C-alpha atoms as a PDB file:
ATOM      1  CA  UNK A   1     -33.879 -44.384-126.732  1.00  0.00           C
ATOM      2  CA  UNK A   2     -30.514 -45.515-125.474  1.00  0.00           C
ATOM      3  CA  UNK A   3     -30.040 -47.477-122.244  1.00  0.00           C
ATOM      4  CA  UNK A   4     -27.195 -45.126-121.459  1.00  0.00           C
ATOM      5  CA  UNK A   5     -29.698 -42.333-120.802  1.00  0.00           C
ATOM      6  CA  UNK A   6     -31.607 -43.999-117.949  1.00  0.00           C
ATOM      7  CA  UNK A   7     -30.937 -45.209-114.415  1.00  0.00           C
ATOM      8  CA  UNK A   8     -33.139 -47.455-112.268  1.00  0.00           C
ATOM      9  CA  UNK A   9     -32.628 -47.257-108.484  1.00  0.00           C
ATOM     10  CA  UNK A  10     -34.315 -49.475-105.886  1.00  0.00           C
ATOM     11  CA  UNK A  11     -32.606 -48.785-102.565  1.00  0.00           C
ATOM     12  CA  UNK A  12     -30.576 -46.097-100.854  1.00  0.00           C
ATOM     13  CA  UNK A  13     -30.566 -43.879-103.960  1.00  0.00           C
ATOM     14  CA  UNK A  14     -34.371 -43.567-104.008  1.00  0.00           C
ATOM     15  CA  UNK A  15     -35.982 -40.255-103.125  1.00  0.00           C
ATOM     16  CA  UNK A  16     -36.525 -39.395 -99.481  1.00  0.00           C
ATOM     17  CA  UNK A  17     -40.057 -40.626 -98.692  1.00  0.00           C
ATOM     18  CA  UNK A  18     -40.670 -37.765 -96.247  1.00  0.00           C
ATOM     19  CA  UNK A  19     -39.985 -34.827 -98.541  1.00  0.00           C
ATOM     20  CA  UNK A  20     -39.366 -36.466-101.952  1.00  0.00           C
ATOM     21  CA  UNK A  21     -35.901 -34.920-102.307  1.00  0.00           C
ATOM     22  CA  UNK A  22     -33.490 -36.690-104.619  1.00  0.00           C
ATOM     23  CA  UNK A  23     -30.234 -38.227-103.477  1.00  0.00           C
ATOM     24  CA  UNK A  24     -27.417 -35.679-104.011  1.00  0.00           C
ATOM     25  CA  UNK A  25     -25.672 -38.055-106.446  1.00  0.00           C
ATOM     26  CA  UNK A  26     -28.709 -37.689-108.724  1.00  0.00           C
ATOM     27  CA  UNK A  27     -28.891 -33.881-108.707  1.00  0.00           C
ATOM     28  CA  UNK A  28     -28.237 -33.658-112.443  1.00  0.00           C
ATOM     29  CA  UNK A  29     -30.868 -36.315-113.224  1.00  0.00           C
ATOM     30  CA  UNK A  30     -34.546 -35.881-114.005  1.00  0.00           C
ATOM     31  CA  UNK A  31     -36.961 -38.043-112.039  1.00  0.00           C
ATOM     32  CA  UNK A  32     -39.193 -39.895-114.518  1.00  0.00           C
ATOM     33  CA  UNK A  33     -41.340 -41.809-112.041  1.00  0.00           C
ATOM     34  CA  UNK A  34     -41.906 -45.152-110.382  1.00  0.00           C
ATOM     35  CA  UNK A  35     -40.731 -48.283-112.151  1.00  0.00           C
ATOM     36  CA  UNK A  36     -40.037 -51.912-111.348  1.00  0.00           C
ATOM     37  CA  UNK A  37     -37.838 -54.798-112.396  1.00  0.00           C
ATOM     38  CA  UNK A  38     -38.298 -58.516-111.896  1.00  0.00           C
ATOM     39  CA  UNK A  39     -35.955 -60.449-109.633  1.00  0.00           C
ATOM     40  CA  UNK A  40     -35.429 -60.843-105.913  1.00  0.00           C
ATOM     41  CA  UNK A  41     -34.464 -58.199-103.366  1.00  0.00           C
ATOM     42  CA  UNK A  42     -32.372 -58.918-100.268  1.00  0.00           C
ATOM     43  CA  UNK A  43     -31.385 -57.113 -97.075  1.00  0.00           C
ATOM     44  CA  UNK A  44     -27.593 -57.063 -97.132  1.00  0.00           C
ATOM     45  CA  UNK A  45     -26.365 -54.969 -94.196  1.00  0.00           C
ATOM     46  CA  UNK A  46     -28.774 -52.048 -93.798  1.00  0.00           C
ATOM     47  CA  UNK A  47     -28.893 -51.671 -97.585  1.00  0.00           C
ATOM     48  CA  UNK A  48     -30.524 -53.768-100.309  1.00  0.00           C
ATOM     49  CA  UNK A  49     -29.246 -55.897-103.133  1.00  0.00           C
ATOM     50  CA  UNK A  50     -31.244 -56.976-106.179  1.00  0.00           C
ATOM     51  CA  UNK A  51     -30.644 -60.032-108.333  1.00  0.00           C
ATOM     52  CA  UNK A  52     -32.349 -60.790-111.630  1.00  0.00           C
ATOM     53  CA  UNK A  53     -33.234 -64.381-110.808  1.00  0.00           C
ATOM     54  CA  UNK A  54     -36.652 -64.485-109.199  1.00  0.00           C
ATOM     55  CA  UNK A  55     -40.119 -63.188-109.917  1.00  0.00           C
ATOM     56  CA  UNK A  56     -40.662 -60.475-107.314  1.00  0.00           C
ATOM     57  CA  UNK A  57     -41.567 -57.004-108.578  1.00  0.00           C
ATOM     58  CA  UNK A  58     -38.682 -54.915-107.268  1.00  0.00           C
ATOM     59  CA  UNK A  59     -40.010 -51.399-106.879  1.00  0.00           C
ATOM     60  CA  UNK A  60     -37.856 -48.402-107.608  1.00  0.00           C
ATOM     61  CA  UNK A  61     -37.508 -45.184-109.562  1.00  0.00           C
ATOM     62  CA  UNK A  62     -36.459 -44.308-113.082  1.00  0.00           C
ATOM     63  CA  UNK A  63     -34.239 -41.311-113.813  1.00  0.00           C
ATOM     64  CA  UNK A  64     -33.091 -39.652-117.005  1.00  0.00           C
ATOM     65  CA  UNK A  65     -29.349 -39.087-116.654  1.00  0.00           C
ATOM     66  CA  UNK A  66     -28.235 -35.511-117.305  1.00  0.00           C
ATOM     67  CA  UNK A  67     -24.542 -36.322-117.685  1.00  0.00           C
ATOM     68  CA  UNK A  68     -24.430 -40.134-117.935  1.00  0.00           C
ATOM     69  CA  UNK A  69     -20.648 -40.635-117.908  1.00  0.00           C
ATOM     70  CA  UNK A  70     -20.118 -38.386-114.884  1.00  0.00           C
ATOM     71  CA  UNK A  71     -23.084 -39.667-112.858  1.00  0.00           C
ATOM     72  CA  UNK A  72     -22.321 -43.327-113.555  1.00  0.00           C
ATOM     73  CA  UNK A  73     -18.644 -42.882-112.634  1.00  0.00           C
ATOM     74  CA  UNK A  74     -19.683 -41.282-109.309  1.00  0.00           C
ATOM     75  CA  UNK A  75     -22.175 -44.093-108.674  1.00  0.00           C
ATOM     76  CA  UNK A  76     -19.585 -46.743-109.575  1.00  0.00           C
ATOM     77  CA  UNK A  77     -17.452 -45.368-106.740  1.00  0.00           C
ATOM     78  CA  UNK A  78     -20.447 -45.204-104.360  1.00  0.00           C
ATOM     79  CA  UNK A  79     -21.365 -48.828-105.202  1.00  0.00           C
ATOM     80  CA  UNK A  80     -17.663 -49.806-105.009  1.00  0.00           C
ATOM     81  CA  UNK A  81     -17.614 -51.330-108.476  1.00  0.00           C
ATOM     82  CA  UNK A  82     -15.214 -48.929-110.182  1.00  0.00           C
ATOM     83  CA  UNK A  83     -12.147 -50.630-111.646  1.00  0.00           C
ATOM     84  CA  UNK A  84      -9.858 -49.663-108.737  1.00  0.00           C
ATOM     85  CA  UNK A  85     -11.963 -51.550-106.154  1.00  0.00           C
ATOM     86  CA  UNK A  86     -10.925 -55.115-105.282  1.00  0.00           C
ATOM     87  CA  UNK A  87     -12.630 -57.951-107.137  1.00  0.00           C
ATOM     88  CA  UNK A  88     -15.109 -59.496-106.890  1.00  0.00           C
ATOM     89  CA  UNK A  89     -17.250 -56.394-106.586  1.00  0.00           C
ATOM     90  CA  UNK A  90     -20.279 -56.502-104.320  1.00  0.00           C
ATOM     91  CA  UNK A  91     -22.322 -54.802-107.059  1.00  0.00           C
ATOM     92  CA  UNK A  92     -22.123 -54.773-110.823  1.00  0.00           C
ATOM     93  CA  UNK A  93     -23.646 -52.185-113.120  1.00  0.00           C
ATOM     94  CA  UNK A  94     -25.829 -53.721-115.824  1.00  0.00           C
ATOM     95  CA  UNK A  95     -28.400 -52.645-118.379  1.00  0.00           C
ATOM     96  CA  UNK A  96     -31.816 -54.253-118.129  1.00  0.00           C
ATOM     97  CA  UNK A  97     -35.437 -53.661-119.007  1.00  0.00           C
ATOM     98  CA  UNK A  98     -37.492 -51.970-116.321  1.00  0.00           C
ATOM     99  CA  UNK A  99     -41.240 -51.608-116.434  1.00  0.00           C
ATOM    100  CA  UNK A 100     -43.295 -48.464-116.040  1.00  0.00           C
ATOM    101  CA  UNK A 101     -46.806 -48.366-114.530  1.00  0.00           C
ATOM    102  CA  UNK A 102     -48.341 -47.716-117.981  1.00  0.00           C
ATOM    103  CA  UNK A 103     -46.967 -51.014-119.329  1.00  0.00           C
ATOM    104  CA  UNK A 104     -44.021 -49.577-121.252  1.00  0.00           C
ATOM    105  CA  UNK A 105     -40.525 -50.985-120.777  1.00  0.00           C
ATOM    106  CA  UNK A 106     -37.344 -48.920-120.779  1.00  0.00           C
ATOM    107  CA  UNK A 107     -33.741 -50.075-120.937  1.00  0.00           C
ATOM    108  CA  UNK A 108     -31.829 -48.615-117.977  1.00  0.00           C
ATOM    109  CA  UNK A 109     -28.641 -48.984-115.989  1.00  0.00           C
ATOM    110  CA  UNK A 110     -28.941 -50.468-112.512  1.00  0.00           C
ATOM    111  CA  UNK A 111     -26.650 -51.925-109.870  1.00  0.00           C
ATOM    112  CA  UNK A 112     -27.152 -55.626-109.152  1.00  0.00           C
ATOM    113  CA  UNK A 113     -25.900 -57.587-106.163  1.00  0.00           C
ATOM    114  CA  UNK A 114     -22.952 -59.751-107.215  1.00  0.00           C
ATOM    115  CA  UNK A 115     -22.464 -62.127-104.288  1.00  0.00           C
ATOM    116  CA  UNK A 116     -24.233 -65.258-103.016  1.00  0.00           C
ATOM    117  CA  UNK A 117     -27.608 -64.630-101.395  1.00  0.00           C
ATOM    118  CA  UNK A 118     -27.560 -67.737 -99.194  1.00  0.00           C
ATOM    119  CA  UNK A 119     -28.464 -66.744 -95.645  1.00  0.00           C
ATOM    120  CA  UNK A 120     -29.681 -63.255 -96.589  1.00  0.00           C
ATOM    121  CA  UNK A 121     -33.181 -62.054 -95.724  1.00  0.00           C
ATOM    122  CA  UNK A 122     -35.336 -61.827 -98.840  1.00  0.00           C
ATOM    123  CA  UNK A 123     -37.532 -58.714 -98.950  1.00  0.00           C
ATOM    124  CA  UNK A 124     -40.805 -60.269-100.055  1.00  0.00           C
ATOM    125  CA  UNK A 125     -42.539 -56.957-100.788  1.00  0.00           C
ATOM    126  CA  UNK A 126     -39.831 -55.992-103.283  1.00  0.00           C
ATOM    127  CA  UNK A 127     -39.919 -52.473-101.850  1.00  0.00           C
ATOM    128  CA  UNK A 128     -36.915 -51.429 -99.783  1.00  0.00           C
ATOM    129  CA  UNK A 129     -38.524 -48.237 -98.469  1.00  0.00           C
ATOM    130  CA  UNK A 130     -41.525 -50.172 -97.125  1.00  0.00           C
ATOM    131  CA  UNK A 131     -39.118 -52.726 -95.672  1.00  0.00           C
ATOM    132  CA  UNK A 132     -37.310 -49.940 -93.782  1.00  0.00           C
ATOM    133  CA  UNK A 133     -40.593 -48.576 -92.479  1.00  0.00           C
ATOM    134  CA  UNK A 134     -41.609 -52.054 -91.278  1.00  0.00           C
ATOM    135  CA  UNK A 135     -38.305 -52.412 -89.385  1.00  0.00           C
ATOM    136  CA  UNK A 136     -38.973 -49.330 -87.237  1.00  0.00           C
END
């Protein structure tokens, strides 16, 4: 399977925890299920940023992209990393291996934080939705 077919999300693009509805940007995607990546997760400014250095299990969701080129171009604009945004971008889109609960790994696109993390609050649980719940 090609990396280009999958998307891993860990923050504001995750399903609504109250009613499990998908983010509108992912309407043409099929929800596969929970997944995780290894790295560290940070609170940026009421949204998260993941980096691959670190050992925390960053919890998120895996999607099968219905129209990869279209969805990724929309998400590049949402994450402000399309070519017309000023450099350096806050996020970069990269392919990486994400893990499924059954032990399988899948190559997927994700958006990684692309700025220094010094002074940012690390989310020790690796779960942004739980972090939001704890803040309220």
